[in-house]
Amino acid sequence: MNRKKIFTGSPWEPVVGYCRAIRIGDRIEVAGTTAMKDGEVVGVDDAYEQTRFILETIEKALRELDADLSHVVRTRMFVTDISKWEEIGKAHGEFFREIQPVATMVEVKALIDPRLLVEIEVEAIV
């Protein structure tokens, strides 16, 4: 099957060997996405703002693959402090309240930058 890939231009993509998102047929997978822009963390110490930024980034990637948030069937949220679940959940709900994909939120020890509080990946079917 044909693979359509979306890249962000991150210096890590060629080093690690990944892309932001890939579409194969009717399936789209979006890689773990954090609140990084031009090498800087967006929304330092603000889980809600980081989550909103991440979901906006994911939404852009989906559009580049001829899809949108309504096609999302699963979200996975990796958070460094589960006590912030309401802030993260509020932002998630603003994007997915009507779509209601299955969702997972788990606490992890750390993300690649200690200022990052949230990382999200999604699966979509068009």
PDB file of N, CA and C in Angstrom:
ATOM      1  N   MET A   1       0.826  -1.181   0.000  1.00  0.00           N
ATOM      2  CA  MET A   1       0.000   0.000   0.000  1.00  0.00           C
ATOM      3  C   MET A   1       0.875   1.250   0.000  1.00  0.00           C
ATOM      4  N   ASN A   2       0.311   2.307  -0.510  1.00  0.00           N
ATOM      5  CA  ASN A   2       1.005   3.590  -0.566  1.00  0.00           C
ATOM      6  C   ASN A   2       1.079   4.216   0.821  1.00  0.00           C
ATOM      7  N   ARG A   3       2.242   4.744   1.160  1.00  0.00           N
ATOM      8  CA  ARG A   3       2.430   5.440   2.438  1.00  0.00           C
ATOM      9  C   ARG A   3       2.579   6.919   2.172  1.00  0.00           C
ATOM     10  N   LYS A   4       1.768   7.718   2.845  1.00  0.00           N
ATOM     11  CA  LYS A   4       1.920   9.166   2.786  1.00  0.00           C
ATOM     12  C   LYS A   4       2.378   9.605   4.166  1.00  0.00           C
ATOM     13  N   LYS A   5       3.527  10.302   4.224  1.00  0.00           N
ATOM     14  CA  LYS A   5       4.114  10.689   5.499  1.00  0.00           C
ATOM     15  C   LYS A   5       4.131  12.198   5.645  1.00  0.00           C
ATOM     16  N   ILE A   6       3.982  12.657   6.876  1.00  0.00           N
ATOM     17  CA  ILE A   6       4.072  14.070   7.221  1.00  0.00           C
ATOM     18  C   ILE A   6       5.270  14.230   8.149  1.00  0.00           C
ATOM     19  N   PHE A   7       6.122  15.193   7.841  1.00  0.00           N
ATOM     20  CA  PHE A   7       7.280  15.499   8.673  1.00  0.00           C
ATOM     21  C   PHE A   7       7.156  16.915   9.217  1.00  0.00           C
ATOM     22  N   THR A   8       7.741  17.159  10.377  1.00  0.00           N
ATOM     23  CA  THR A   8       7.695  18.499  10.966  1.00  0.00           C
ATOM     24  C   THR A   8       8.959  19.290  10.687  1.00  0.00           C
ATOM     25  N   GLY A   9      10.015  18.607  10.254  1.00  0.00           N
ATOM     26  CA  GLY A   9      11.296  19.276  10.078  1.00  0.00           C
ATOM     27  C   GLY A   9      12.148  19.222  11.333  1.00  0.00           C
ATOM     28  N   SER A  10      11.677  18.516  12.330  1.00  0.00           N
ATOM     29  CA  SER A  10      12.441  18.367  13.571  1.00  0.00           C
ATOM     30  C   SER A  10      13.789  17.718  13.261  1.00  0.00           C
ATOM     31  N   PRO A  11      14.853  18.174  13.912  1.00  0.00           N
ATOM     32  CA  PRO A  11      16.151  17.550  13.682  1.00  0.00           C
ATOM     33  C   PRO A  11      16.199  16.100  14.157  1.00  0.00           C
ATOM     34  N   TRP A  12      15.241  15.711  14.993  1.00  0.00           N
ATOM     35  CA  TRP A  12      15.230  14.345  15.525  1.00  0.00           C
ATOM     36  C   TRP A  12      14.620  13.338  14.570  1.00  0.00           C
ATOM     37  N   GLU A  13      13.793  13.794  13.629  1.00  0.00           N
ATOM     38  CA  GLU A  13      13.136  12.843  12.716  1.00  0.00           C
ATOM     39  C   GLU A  13      14.137  11.971  11.957  1.00  0.00           C
ATOM     40  N   PRO A  14      15.158  12.551  11.299  1.00  0.00           N
ATOM     41  CA  PRO A  14      16.090  11.684  10.585  1.00  0.00           C
ATOM     42  C   PRO A  14      17.018  10.892  11.518  1.00  0.00           C
ATOM     43  N   VAL A  15      17.320  11.440  12.680  1.00  0.00           N
ATOM     44  CA  VAL A  15      18.211  10.751  13.623  1.00  0.00           C
ATOM     45  C   VAL A  15      17.525   9.517  14.204  1.00  0.00           C
ATOM     46  N   VAL A  16      16.297   9.710  14.661  1.00  0.00           N
ATOM     47  CA  VAL A  16      15.551   8.620  15.291  1.00  0.00           C
ATOM     48  C   VAL A  16      14.884   7.731  14.243  1.00  0.00           C
ATOM     49  N   GLY A  17      14.575   8.320  13.077  1.00  0.00           N
ATOM     50  CA  GLY A  17      13.950   7.557  11.998  1.00  0.00           C
ATOM     51  C   GLY A  17      12.445   7.464  12.138  1.00  0.00           C
ATOM     52  N   TYR A  18      11.773   8.599  12.250  1.00  0.00           N
ATOM     53  CA  TYR A  18      10.318   8.599  12.372  1.00  0.00           C
ATOM     54  C   TYR A  18       9.734   9.799  11.634  1.00  0.00           C
ATOM     55  N   CYS A  19       8.413   9.796  11.495  1.00  0.00           N
ATOM     56  CA  CYS A  19       7.694  10.931  10.922  1.00  0.00           C
ATOM     57  C   CYS A  19       6.596  11.330  11.891  1.00  0.00           C
ATOM     58  N   ARG A  20       6.044  12.519  11.729  1.00  0.00           N
ATOM     59  CA  ARG A  20       4.964  13.001  12.611  1.00  0.00           C
ATOM     60  C   ARG A  20       3.724  12.136  12.459  1.00  0.00           C
ATOM     61  N   ALA A  21       3.380  11.828  11.189  1.00  0.00           N
ATOM     62  CA  ALA A  21       2.167  11.051  10.948  1.00  0.00           C
ATOM     63  C   ALA A  21       2.319  10.293   9.639  1.00  0.00           C
ATOM     64  N   ILE A  22       1.587   9.202   9.557  1.00  0.00           N
ATOM     65  CA  ILE A  22       1.629   8.374   8.351  1.00  0.00           C
ATOM     66  C   ILE A  22       0.212   7.894   8.037  1.00  0.00           C
ATOM     67  N   ARG A  23      -0.088   7.885   6.740  1.00  0.00           N
ATOM     68  CA  ARG A  23      -1.368   7.342   6.283  1.00  0.00           C
ATOM     69  C   ARG A  23      -1.087   6.184   5.356  1.00  0.00           C
ATOM     70  N   ILE A  24      -1.714   5.050   5.660  1.00  0.00           N
ATOM     71  CA  ILE A  24      -1.640   3.868   4.813  1.00  0.00           C
ATOM     72  C   ILE A  24      -3.085   3.436   4.585  1.00  0.00           C
ATOM     73  N   GLY A  25      -3.555   3.615   3.362  1.00  0.00           N
ATOM     74  CA  GLY A  25      -4.959   3.314   3.071  1.00  0.00           C
ATOM     75  C   GLY A  25      -5.860   4.236   3.863  1.00  0.00           C
ATOM     76  N   ASP A  26      -6.769   3.638   4.627  1.00  0.00           N
ATOM     77  CA  ASP A  26      -7.707   4.444   5.400  1.00  0.00           C
ATOM     78  C   ASP A  26      -7.258   4.677   6.838  1.00  0.00           C
ATOM     79  N   ARG A  27      -6.062   4.206   7.187  1.00  0.00           N
ATOM     80  CA  ARG A  27      -5.541   4.328   8.559  1.00  0.00           C
ATOM     81  C   ARG A  27      -4.503   5.429   8.662  1.00  0.00           C
ATOM     82  N   ILE A  28      -4.601   6.197   9.738  1.00  0.00           N
ATOM     83  CA  ILE A  28      -3.614   7.232  10.038  1.00  0.00           C
ATOM     84  C   ILE A  28      -3.126   7.019  11.458  1.00  0.00           C
ATOM     85  N   GLU A  29      -1.822   7.074  11.627  1.00  0.00           N
ATOM     86  CA  GLU A  29      -1.204   7.014  12.946  1.00  0.00           C
ATOM     87  C   GLU A  29      -0.413   8.308  13.127  1.00  0.00           C
ATOM     88  N   VAL A  30      -0.625   8.976  14.244  1.00  0.00           N
ATOM     89  CA  VAL A  30       0.127  10.187  14.556  1.00  0.00           C
ATOM     90  C   VAL A  30       1.042   9.867  15.727  1.00  0.00           C
ATOM     91  N   ALA A  31       2.327  10.128  15.544  1.00  0.00           N
ATOM     92  CA  ALA A  31       3.338   9.830  16.555  1.00  0.00           C
ATOM     93  C   ALA A  31       3.100  10.629  17.821  1.00  0.00           C
ATOM     94  N   GLY A  32       3.715  10.188  18.894  1.00  0.00           N
ATOM     95  CA  GLY A  32       3.676  10.933  20.143  1.00  0.00           C
ATOM     96  C   GLY A  32       4.057  12.384  19.881  1.00  0.00           C
ATOM     97  N   THR A  33       3.191  13.282  20.278  1.00  0.00           N
ATOM     98  CA  THR A  33       3.351  14.706  19.985  1.00  0.00           C
ATOM     99  C   THR A  33       3.417  15.476  21.299  1.00  0.00           C
ATOM    100  N   THR A  34       4.392  16.365  21.388  1.00  0.00           N
ATOM    101  CA  THR A  34       4.568  17.171  22.594  1.00  0.00           C
ATOM    102  C   THR A  34       4.402  18.650  22.257  1.00  0.00           C
ATOM    103  N   ALA A  35       4.480  19.477  23.265  1.00  0.00           N
ATOM    104  CA  ALA A  35       4.302  20.924  23.106  1.00  0.00           C
ATOM    105  C   ALA A  35       5.642  21.604  22.827  1.00  0.00           C
ATOM    106  N   MET A  36       6.283  21.200  21.738  1.00  0.00           N
ATOM    107  CA  MET A  36       7.555  21.802  21.326  1.00  0.00           C
ATOM    108  C   MET A  36       7.331  22.591  20.047  1.00  0.00           C
ATOM    109  N   LYS A  37       7.878  23.802  20.016  1.00  0.00           N
ATOM    110  CA  LYS A  37       7.816  24.631  18.815  1.00  0.00           C
ATOM    111  C   LYS A  37       9.159  25.321  18.659  1.00  0.00           C
ATOM    112  N   ASP A  38       9.804  25.066  17.535  1.00  0.00           N
ATOM    113  CA  ASP A  38      11.108  25.659  17.247  1.00  0.00           C
ATOM    114  C   ASP A  38      12.096  25.408  18.383  1.00  0.00           C
ATOM    115  N   GLY A  39      12.065  24.203  18.936  1.00  0.00           N
ATOM    116  CA  GLY A  39      13.006  23.823  19.980  1.00  0.00           C
ATOM    117  C   GLY A  39      12.672  24.313  21.372  1.00  0.00           C
ATOM    118  N   GLU A  40      11.549  25.002  21.522  1.00  0.00           N
ATOM    119  CA  GLU A  40      11.143  25.525  22.828  1.00  0.00           C
ATOM    120  C   GLU A  40       9.837  24.877  23.282  1.00  0.00           C
ATOM    121  N   VAL A  41       9.682  24.741  24.578  1.00  0.00           N
ATOM    122  CA  VAL A  41       8.458  24.179  25.140  1.00  0.00           C
ATOM    123  C   VAL A  41       7.390  25.264  25.206  1.00  0.00           C
ATOM    124  N   VAL A  42       6.212  24.938  24.697  1.00  0.00           N
ATOM    125  CA  VAL A  42       5.059  25.835  24.759  1.00  0.00           C
ATOM    126  C   VAL A  42       4.292  25.519  26.038  1.00  0.00           C
ATOM    127  N   GLY A  43       3.898  26.537  26.777  1.00  0.00           N
ATOM    128  CA  GLY A  43       3.080  26.331  27.971  1.00  0.00           C
ATOM    129  C   GLY A  43       3.827  25.700  29.127  1.00  0.00           C
ATOM    130  N   VAL A  44       5.030  26.177  29.408  1.00  0.00           N
ATOM    131  CA  VAL A  44       5.803  25.640  30.524  1.00  0.00           C
ATOM    132  C   VAL A  44       4.958  25.708  31.800  1.00  0.00           C
ATOM    133  N   ASP A  45       4.926  24.619  32.546  1.00  0.00           N
ATOM    134  CA  ASP A  45       4.172  24.496  33.801  1.00  0.00           C
ATOM    135  C   ASP A  45       2.655  24.601  33.629  1.00  0.00           C
ATOM    136  N   ASP A  46       2.146  24.413  32.415  1.00  0.00           N
ATOM    137  CA  ASP A  46       0.710  24.544  32.156  1.00  0.00           C
ATOM    138  C   ASP A  46       0.230  23.345  31.328  1.00  0.00           C
ATOM    139  N   ALA A  47      -0.270  22.320  32.008  1.00  0.00           N
ATOM    140  CA  ALA A  47      -0.696  21.087  31.336  1.00  0.00           C
ATOM    141  C   ALA A  47      -1.839  21.345  30.361  1.00  0.00           C
ATOM    142  N   TYR A  48      -2.747  22.235  30.720  1.00  0.00           N
ATOM    143  CA  TYR A  48      -3.863  22.566  29.837  1.00  0.00           C
ATOM    144  C   TYR A  48      -3.351  23.173  28.534  1.00  0.00           C
ATOM    145  N   GLU A  49      -2.485  24.158  28.620  1.00  0.00           N
ATOM    146  CA  GLU A  49      -1.967  24.832  27.425  1.00  0.00           C
ATOM    147  C   GLU A  49      -1.142  23.871  26.570  1.00  0.00           C
ATOM    148  N   GLN A  50      -0.337  23.036  27.200  1.00  0.00           N
ATOM    149  CA  GLN A  50       0.436  22.054  26.436  1.00  0.00           C
ATOM    150  C   GLN A  50      -0.494  21.102  25.688  1.00  0.00           C
ATOM    151  N   THR A  51      -1.550  20.651  26.348  1.00  0.00           N
ATOM    152  CA  THR A  51      -2.487  19.723  25.712  1.00  0.00           C
ATOM    153  C   THR A  51      -3.175  20.385  24.522  1.00  0.00           C
ATOM    154  N   ARG A  52      -3.619  21.621  24.688  1.00  0.00           N
ATOM    155  CA  ARG A  52      -4.249  22.342  23.571  1.00  0.00           C
ATOM    156  C   ARG A  52      -3.277  22.472  22.396  1.00  0.00           C
ATOM    157  N   PHE A  53      -2.047  22.863  22.658  1.00  0.00           N
ATOM    158  CA  PHE A  53      -1.053  23.016  21.598  1.00  0.00           C
ATOM    159  C   PHE A  53      -0.826  21.684  20.876  1.00  0.00           C
ATOM    160  N   ILE A  54      -0.706  20.620  21.644  1.00  0.00           N
ATOM    161  CA  ILE A  54      -0.482  19.294  21.063  1.00  0.00           C
ATOM    162  C   ILE A  54      -1.647  18.907  20.152  1.00  0.00           C
ATOM    163  N   LEU A  55      -2.862  19.085  20.616  1.00  0.00           N
ATOM    164  CA  LEU A  55      -4.019  18.693  19.810  1.00  0.00           C
ATOM    165  C   LEU A  55      -4.171  19.562  18.572  1.00  0.00           C
ATOM    166  N   GLU A  56      -3.790  20.817  18.642  1.00  0.00           N
ATOM    167  CA  GLU A  56      -3.773  21.667  17.442  1.00  0.00           C
ATOM    168  C   GLU A  56      -2.728  21.157  16.446  1.00  0.00           C
ATOM    169  N   THR A  57      -1.576  20.728  16.944  1.00  0.00           N
ATOM    170  CA  THR A  57      -0.521  20.172  16.079  1.00  0.00           C
ATOM    171  C   THR A  57      -0.999  18.886  15.414  1.00  0.00           C
ATOM    172  N   ILE A  58      -1.656  18.039  16.180  1.00  0.00           N
ATOM    173  CA  ILE A  58      -2.194  16.787  15.635  1.00  0.00           C
ATOM    174  C   ILE A  58      -3.265  17.081  14.590  1.00  0.00           C
ATOM    175  N   GLU A  59      -4.108  18.047  14.873  1.00  0.00           N
ATOM    176  CA  GLU A  59      -5.157  18.428  13.927  1.00  0.00           C
ATOM    177  C   GLU A  59      -4.552  18.872  12.589  1.00  0.00           C
ATOM    178  N   LYS A  60      -3.480  19.644  12.626  1.00  0.00           N
ATOM    179  CA  LYS A  60      -2.803  20.079  11.397  1.00  0.00           C
ATOM    180  C   LYS A  60      -2.254  18.884  10.630  1.00  0.00           C
ATOM    181  N   ALA A  61      -1.641  17.947  11.326  1.00  0.00           N
ATOM    182  CA  ALA A  61      -1.096  16.758  10.663  1.00  0.00           C
ATOM    183  C   ALA A  61      -2.207  15.956   9.996  1.00  0.00           C
ATOM    184  N   LEU A  62      -3.327  15.797  10.674  1.00  0.00           N
ATOM    185  CA  LEU A  62      -4.453  15.072  10.088  1.00  0.00           C
ATOM    186  C   LEU A  62      -4.948  15.758   8.818  1.00  0.00           C
ATOM    187  N   ARG A  63      -5.047  17.076   8.853  1.00  0.00           N
ATOM    188  CA  ARG A  63      -5.500  17.809   7.659  1.00  0.00           C
ATOM    189  C   ARG A  63      -4.551  17.583   6.484  1.00  0.00           C
ATOM    190  N   GLU A  64      -3.252  17.525   6.761  1.00  0.00           N
ATOM    191  CA  GLU A  64      -2.276  17.279   5.686  1.00  0.00           C
ATOM    192  C   GLU A  64      -2.442  15.891   5.086  1.00  0.00           C
ATOM    193  N   LEU A  65      -3.094  15.007   5.823  1.00  0.00           N
ATOM    194  CA  LEU A  65      -3.348  13.647   5.339  1.00  0.00           C
ATOM    195  C   LEU A  65      -4.803  13.460   4.920  1.00  0.00           C
ATOM    196  N   ASP A  66      -5.477  14.582   4.601  1.00  0.00           N
ATOM    197  CA  ASP A  66      -6.862  14.562   4.125  1.00  0.00           C
ATOM    198  C   ASP A  66      -7.826  13.948   5.138  1.00  0.00           C
ATOM    199  N   ALA A  67      -7.637  14.304   6.401  1.00  0.00           N
ATOM    200  CA  ALA A  67      -8.511  13.826   7.477  1.00  0.00           C
ATOM    201  C   ALA A  67      -8.734  14.979   8.449  1.00  0.00           C
ATOM    202  N   ASP A  68      -9.494  14.695   9.496  1.00  0.00           N
ATOM    203  CA  ASP A  68      -9.685  15.688  10.548  1.00  0.00           C
ATOM    204  C   ASP A  68      -9.936  14.957  11.859  1.00  0.00           C
ATOM    205  N   LEU A  69     -10.171  15.716  12.918  1.00  0.00           N
ATOM    206  CA  LEU A  69     -10.345  15.111  14.237  1.00  0.00           C
ATOM    207  C   LEU A  69     -11.524  14.145  14.300  1.00  0.00           C
ATOM    208  N   SER A  70     -12.520  14.328  13.450  1.00  0.00           N
ATOM    209  CA  SER A  70     -13.679  13.424  13.474  1.00  0.00           C
ATOM    210  C   SER A  70     -13.305  11.999  13.085  1.00  0.00           C
ATOM    211  N   HIS A  71     -12.151  11.820  12.464  1.00  0.00           N
ATOM    212  CA  HIS A  71     -11.688  10.493  12.073  1.00  0.00           C
ATOM    213  C   HIS A  71     -10.909   9.780  13.184  1.00  0.00           C
ATOM    214  N   VAL A  72     -10.616  10.480  14.263  1.00  0.00           N
ATOM    215  CA  VAL A  72      -9.823   9.899  15.355  1.00  0.00           C
ATOM    216  C   VAL A  72     -10.664   8.869  16.107  1.00  0.00           C
ATOM    217  N   VAL A  73     -10.079   7.679  16.278  1.00  0.00           N
ATOM    218  CA  VAL A  73     -10.771   6.609  16.999  1.00  0.00           C
ATOM    219  C   VAL A  73     -10.099   6.292  18.336  1.00  0.00           C
ATOM    220  N   ARG A  74      -8.858   6.753  18.528  1.00  0.00           N
ATOM    221  CA  ARG A  74      -8.141   6.488  19.781  1.00  0.00           C
ATOM    222  C   ARG A  74      -7.159   7.605  20.057  1.00  0.00           C
ATOM    223  N   THR A  75      -7.096   8.007  21.338  1.00  0.00           N
ATOM    224  CA  THR A  75      -6.034   8.899  21.793  1.00  0.00           C
ATOM    225  C   THR A  75      -5.316   8.219  22.949  1.00  0.00           C
ATOM    226  N   ARG A  76      -4.014   8.454  23.016  1.00  0.00           N
ATOM    227  CA  ARG A  76      -3.209   7.969  24.144  1.00  0.00           C
ATOM    228  C   ARG A  76      -2.468   9.172  24.708  1.00  0.00           C
ATOM    229  N   MET A  77      -2.683   9.426  25.986  1.00  0.00           N
ATOM    230  CA  MET A  77      -2.060  10.571  26.640  1.00  0.00           C
ATOM    231  C   MET A  77      -1.094  10.074  27.701  1.00  0.00           C
ATOM    232  N   PHE A  78       0.141  10.498  27.568  1.00  0.00           N
ATOM    233  CA  PHE A  78       1.191  10.162  28.516  1.00  0.00           C
ATOM    234  C   PHE A  78       1.478  11.433  29.307  1.00  0.00           C
ATOM    235  N   VAL A  79       1.302  11.382  30.615  1.00  0.00           N
ATOM    236  CA  VAL A  79       1.419  12.578  31.439  1.00  0.00           C
ATOM    237  C   VAL A  79       2.421  12.326  32.566  1.00  0.00           C
ATOM    238  N   THR A  80       3.128  13.377  32.939  1.00  0.00           N
ATOM    239  CA  THR A  80       4.138  13.222  33.987  1.00  0.00           C
ATOM    240  C   THR A  80       3.581  13.437  35.389  1.00  0.00           C
ATOM    241  N   ASP A  81       2.358  13.945  35.489  1.00  0.00           N
ATOM    242  CA  ASP A  81       1.728  14.154  36.791  1.00  0.00           C
ATOM    243  C   ASP A  81       0.228  13.912  36.646  1.00  0.00           C
ATOM    244  N   ILE A  82      -0.208  12.726  37.021  1.00  0.00           N
ATOM    245  CA  ILE A  82      -1.600  12.333  36.824  1.00  0.00           C
ATOM    246  C   ILE A  82      -2.551  13.215  37.627  1.00  0.00           C
ATOM    247  N   SER A  83      -2.055  13.921  38.629  1.00  0.00           N
ATOM    248  CA  SER A  83      -2.933  14.813  39.394  1.00  0.00           C
ATOM    249  C   SER A  83      -3.426  15.985  38.537  1.00  0.00           C
ATOM    250  N   LYS A  84      -2.813  16.198  37.383  1.00  0.00           N
ATOM    251  CA  LYS A  84      -3.241  17.255  36.457  1.00  0.00           C
ATOM    252  C   LYS A  84      -4.238  16.734  35.425  1.00  0.00           C
ATOM    253  N   TRP A  85      -4.827  15.569  35.695  1.00  0.00           N
ATOM    254  CA  TRP A  85      -5.708  14.928  34.724  1.00  0.00           C
ATOM    255  C   TRP A  85      -6.891  15.814  34.337  1.00  0.00           C
ATOM    256  N   GLU A  86      -7.396  16.616  35.263  1.00  0.00           N
ATOM    257  CA  GLU A  86      -8.559  17.453  34.932  1.00  0.00           C
ATOM    258  C   GLU A  86      -8.199  18.544  33.929  1.00  0.00           C
ATOM    259  N   GLU A  87      -7.024  19.152  34.075  1.00  0.00           N
ATOM    260  CA  GLU A  87      -6.586  20.174  33.118  1.00  0.00           C
ATOM    261  C   GLU A  87      -6.403  19.560  31.728  1.00  0.00           C
ATOM    262  N   ILE A  88      -5.762  18.408  31.707  1.00  0.00           N
ATOM    263  CA  ILE A  88      -5.503  17.710  30.446  1.00  0.00           C
ATOM    264  C   ILE A  88      -6.825  17.240  29.845  1.00  0.00           C
ATOM    265  N   GLY A  89      -7.669  16.658  30.680  1.00  0.00           N
ATOM    266  CA  GLY A  89      -8.974  16.183  30.224  1.00  0.00           C
ATOM    267  C   GLY A  89      -9.858  17.303  29.701  1.00  0.00           C
ATOM    268  N   LYS A  90      -9.782  18.475  30.337  1.00  0.00           N
ATOM    269  CA  LYS A  90     -10.581  19.618  29.871  1.00  0.00           C
ATOM    270  C   LYS A  90     -10.191  19.994  28.446  1.00  0.00           C
ATOM    271  N   ALA A  91      -8.891  20.100  28.184  1.00  0.00           N
ATOM    272  CA  ALA A  91      -8.432  20.447  26.839  1.00  0.00           C
ATOM    273  C   ALA A  91      -8.814  19.343  25.846  1.00  0.00           C
ATOM    274  N   HIS A  92      -8.629  18.090  26.232  1.00  0.00           N
ATOM    275  CA  HIS A  92      -8.991  16.958  25.371  1.00  0.00           C
ATOM    276  C   HIS A  92     -10.477  17.028  25.031  1.00  0.00           C
ATOM    277  N   GLY A  93     -11.292  17.323  26.036  1.00  0.00           N
ATOM    278  CA  GLY A  93     -12.729  17.420  25.820  1.00  0.00           C
ATOM    279  C   GLY A  93     -13.128  18.543  24.877  1.00  0.00           C
ATOM    280  N   GLU A  94     -12.384  19.632  24.895  1.00  0.00           N
ATOM    281  CA  GLU A  94     -12.686  20.742  23.984  1.00  0.00           C
ATOM    282  C   GLU A  94     -12.519  20.330  22.528  1.00  0.00           C
ATOM    283  N   PHE A  95     -11.630  19.400  22.257  1.00  0.00           N
ATOM    284  CA  PHE A  95     -11.407  18.931  20.890  1.00  0.00           C
ATOM    285  C   PHE A  95     -12.265  17.712  20.551  1.00  0.00           C
ATOM    286  N   PHE A  96     -12.561  16.862  21.537  1.00  0.00           N
ATOM    287  CA  PHE A  96     -13.179  15.563  21.262  1.00  0.00           C
ATOM    288  C   PHE A  96     -14.525  15.324  21.936  1.00  0.00           C
ATOM    289  N   ARG A  97     -15.134  16.336  22.522  1.00  0.00           N
ATOM    290  CA  ARG A  97     -16.383  16.155  23.268  1.00  0.00           C
ATOM    291  C   ARG A  97     -17.453  15.441  22.444  1.00  0.00           C
ATOM    292  N   GLU A  98     -17.618  15.835  21.198  1.00  0.00           N
ATOM    293  CA  GLU A  98     -18.645  15.231  20.335  1.00  0.00           C
ATOM    294  C   GLU A  98     -18.150  13.967  19.636  1.00  0.00           C
ATOM    295  N   ILE A  99     -16.852  13.866  19.413  1.00  0.00           N
ATOM    296  CA  ILE A  99     -16.274  12.734  18.670  1.00  0.00           C
ATOM    297  C   ILE A  99     -16.159  11.513  19.569  1.00  0.00           C
ATOM    298  N   GLN A 100     -15.725  11.704  20.768  1.00  0.00           N
ATOM    299  CA  GLN A 100     -15.598  10.675  21.792  1.00  0.00           C
ATOM    300  C   GLN A 100     -14.826   9.431  21.346  1.00  0.00           C
ATOM    301  N   PRO A 101     -13.552   9.591  20.950  1.00  0.00           N
ATOM    302  CA  PRO A 101     -12.751   8.412  20.664  1.00  0.00           C
ATOM    303  C   PRO A 101     -12.435   7.671  21.963  1.00  0.00           C
ATOM    304  N   VAL A 102     -12.006   6.427  21.870  1.00  0.00           N
ATOM    305  CA  VAL A 102     -11.518   5.764  23.074  1.00  0.00           C
ATOM    306  C   VAL A 102     -10.242   6.503  23.491  1.00  0.00           C
ATOM    307  N   ALA A 103     -10.007   6.574  24.780  1.00  0.00           N
ATOM    308  CA  ALA A 103      -8.876   7.360  25.264  1.00  0.00           C
ATOM    309  C   ALA A 103      -8.189   6.653  26.420  1.00  0.00           C
ATOM    310  N   THR A 104      -6.894   6.829  26.465  1.00  0.00           N
ATOM    311  CA  THR A 104      -6.090   6.306  27.557  1.00  0.00           C
ATOM    312  C   THR A 104      -5.237   7.443  28.086  1.00  0.00           C
ATOM    313  N   MET A 105      -5.144   7.547  29.408  1.00  0.00           N
ATOM    314  CA  MET A 105      -4.237   8.505  30.034  1.00  0.00           C
ATOM    315  C   MET A 105      -3.446   7.742  31.085  1.00  0.00           C
ATOM    316  N   VAL A 106      -2.128   7.775  30.954  1.00  0.00           N
ATOM    317  CA  VAL A 106      -1.276   7.087  31.917  1.00  0.00           C
ATOM    318  C   VAL A 106      -0.165   8.023  32.378  1.00  0.00           C
ATOM    319  N   GLU A 107       0.233   7.832  33.609  1.00  0.00           N
ATOM    320  CA  GLU A 107       1.347   8.611  34.133  1.00  0.00           C
ATOM    321  C   GLU A 107       2.650   7.903  33.789  1.00  0.00           C
ATOM    322  N   VAL A 108       3.619   8.686  33.329  1.00  0.00           N
ATOM    323  CA  VAL A 108       4.946   8.178  33.020  1.00  0.00           C
ATOM    324  C   VAL A 108       5.965   8.915  33.884  1.00  0.00           C
ATOM    325  N   LYS A 109       7.096   8.310  34.059  1.00  0.00           N
ATOM    326  CA  LYS A 109       8.128   8.896  34.906  1.00  0.00           C
ATOM    327  C   LYS A 109       8.633  10.226  34.354  1.00  0.00           C
ATOM    328  N   ALA A 110       8.860  10.282  33.039  1.00  0.00           N
ATOM    329  CA  ALA A 110       9.404  11.499  32.432  1.00  0.00           C
ATOM    330  C   ALA A 110       9.189  11.464  30.927  1.00  0.00           C
ATOM    331  N   LEU A 111       9.254  12.655  30.333  1.00  0.00           N
ATOM    332  CA  LEU A 111       9.263  12.786  28.876  1.00  0.00           C
ATOM    333  C   LEU A 111      10.644  13.301  28.487  1.00  0.00           C
ATOM    334  N   ILE A 112      10.882  13.496  27.197  1.00  0.00           N
ATOM    335  CA  ILE A 112      12.222  13.792  26.704  1.00  0.00           C
ATOM    336  C   ILE A 112      12.805  15.100  27.247  1.00  0.00           C
ATOM    337  N   ASP A 113      11.951  16.042  27.606  1.00  0.00           N
ATOM    338  CA  ASP A 113      12.373  17.306  28.215  1.00  0.00           C
ATOM    339  C   ASP A 113      11.608  17.416  29.530  1.00  0.00           C
ATOM    340  N   PRO A 114      12.273  17.697  30.633  1.00  0.00           N
ATOM    341  CA  PRO A 114      11.569  17.731  31.921  1.00  0.00           C
ATOM    342  C   PRO A 114      10.475  18.794  32.013  1.00  0.00           C
ATOM    343  N   ARG A 115      10.465  19.766  31.122  1.00  0.00           N
ATOM    344  CA  ARG A 115       9.412  20.791  31.130  1.00  0.00           C
ATOM    345  C   ARG A 115       8.145  20.313  30.436  1.00  0.00           C
ATOM    346  N   LEU A 116       8.241  19.199  29.712  1.00  0.00           N
ATOM    347  CA  LEU A 116       7.074  18.641  29.025  1.00  0.00           C
ATOM    348  C   LEU A 116       6.223  17.863  30.020  1.00  0.00           C
ATOM    349  N   LEU A 117       4.932  18.135  30.009  1.00  0.00           N
ATOM    350  CA  LEU A 117       4.005  17.503  30.942  1.00  0.00           C
ATOM    351  C   LEU A 117       3.103  16.468  30.283  1.00  0.00           C
ATOM    352  N   VAL A 118       2.971  16.547  28.950  1.00  0.00           N
ATOM    353  CA  VAL A 118       2.016  15.726  28.214  1.00  0.00           C
ATOM    354  C   VAL A 118       2.607  15.324  26.871  1.00  0.00           C
ATOM    355  N   GLU A 119       2.330  14.099  26.460  1.00  0.00           N
ATOM    356  CA  GLU A 119       2.620  13.639  25.103  1.00  0.00           C
ATOM    357  C   GLU A 119       1.387  12.854  24.655  1.00  0.00           C
ATOM    358  N   ILE A 120       0.934  13.110  23.418  1.00  0.00           N
ATOM    359  CA  ILE A 120      -0.287  12.462  22.926  1.00  0.00           C
ATOM    360  C   ILE A 120      -0.029  11.854  21.553  1.00  0.00           C
ATOM    361  N   GLU A 121      -0.569  10.657  21.360  1.00  0.00           N
ATOM    362  CA  GLU A 121      -0.573  10.043  20.031  1.00  0.00           C
ATOM    363  C   GLU A 121      -2.011   9.669  19.702  1.00  0.00           C
ATOM    364  N   VAL A 122      -2.328   9.607  18.401  1.00  0.00           N
ATOM    365  CA  VAL A 122      -3.688   9.260  18.009  1.00  0.00           C
ATOM    366  C   VAL A 122      -3.691   8.284  16.840  1.00  0.00           C
ATOM    367  N   GLU A 123      -4.795   7.576  16.741  1.00  0.00           N
ATOM    368  CA  GLU A 123      -5.092   6.711  15.601  1.00  0.00           C
ATOM    369  C   GLU A 123      -6.379   7.233  14.973  1.00  0.00           C
ATOM    370  N   ALA A 124      -6.408   7.241  13.646  1.00  0.00           N
ATOM    371  CA  ALA A 124      -7.598   7.686  12.931  1.00  0.00           C
ATOM    372  C   ALA A 124      -7.897   6.729  11.793  1.00  0.00           C
ATOM    373  N   ILE A 125      -9.167   6.629  11.450  1.00  0.00           N
ATOM    374  CA  ILE A 125      -9.601   5.846  10.293  1.00  0.00           C
ATOM    375  C   ILE A 125     -10.494   6.739   9.452  1.00  0.00           C
ATOM    376  N   VAL A 126     -10.138   6.857   8.188  1.00  0.00           N
ATOM    377  CA  VAL A 126     -10.870   7.739   7.269  1.00  0.00           C
ATOM    378  C   VAL A 126     -11.883   6.907   6.486  1.00  0.00           C
TER     379      VAL A 126
END
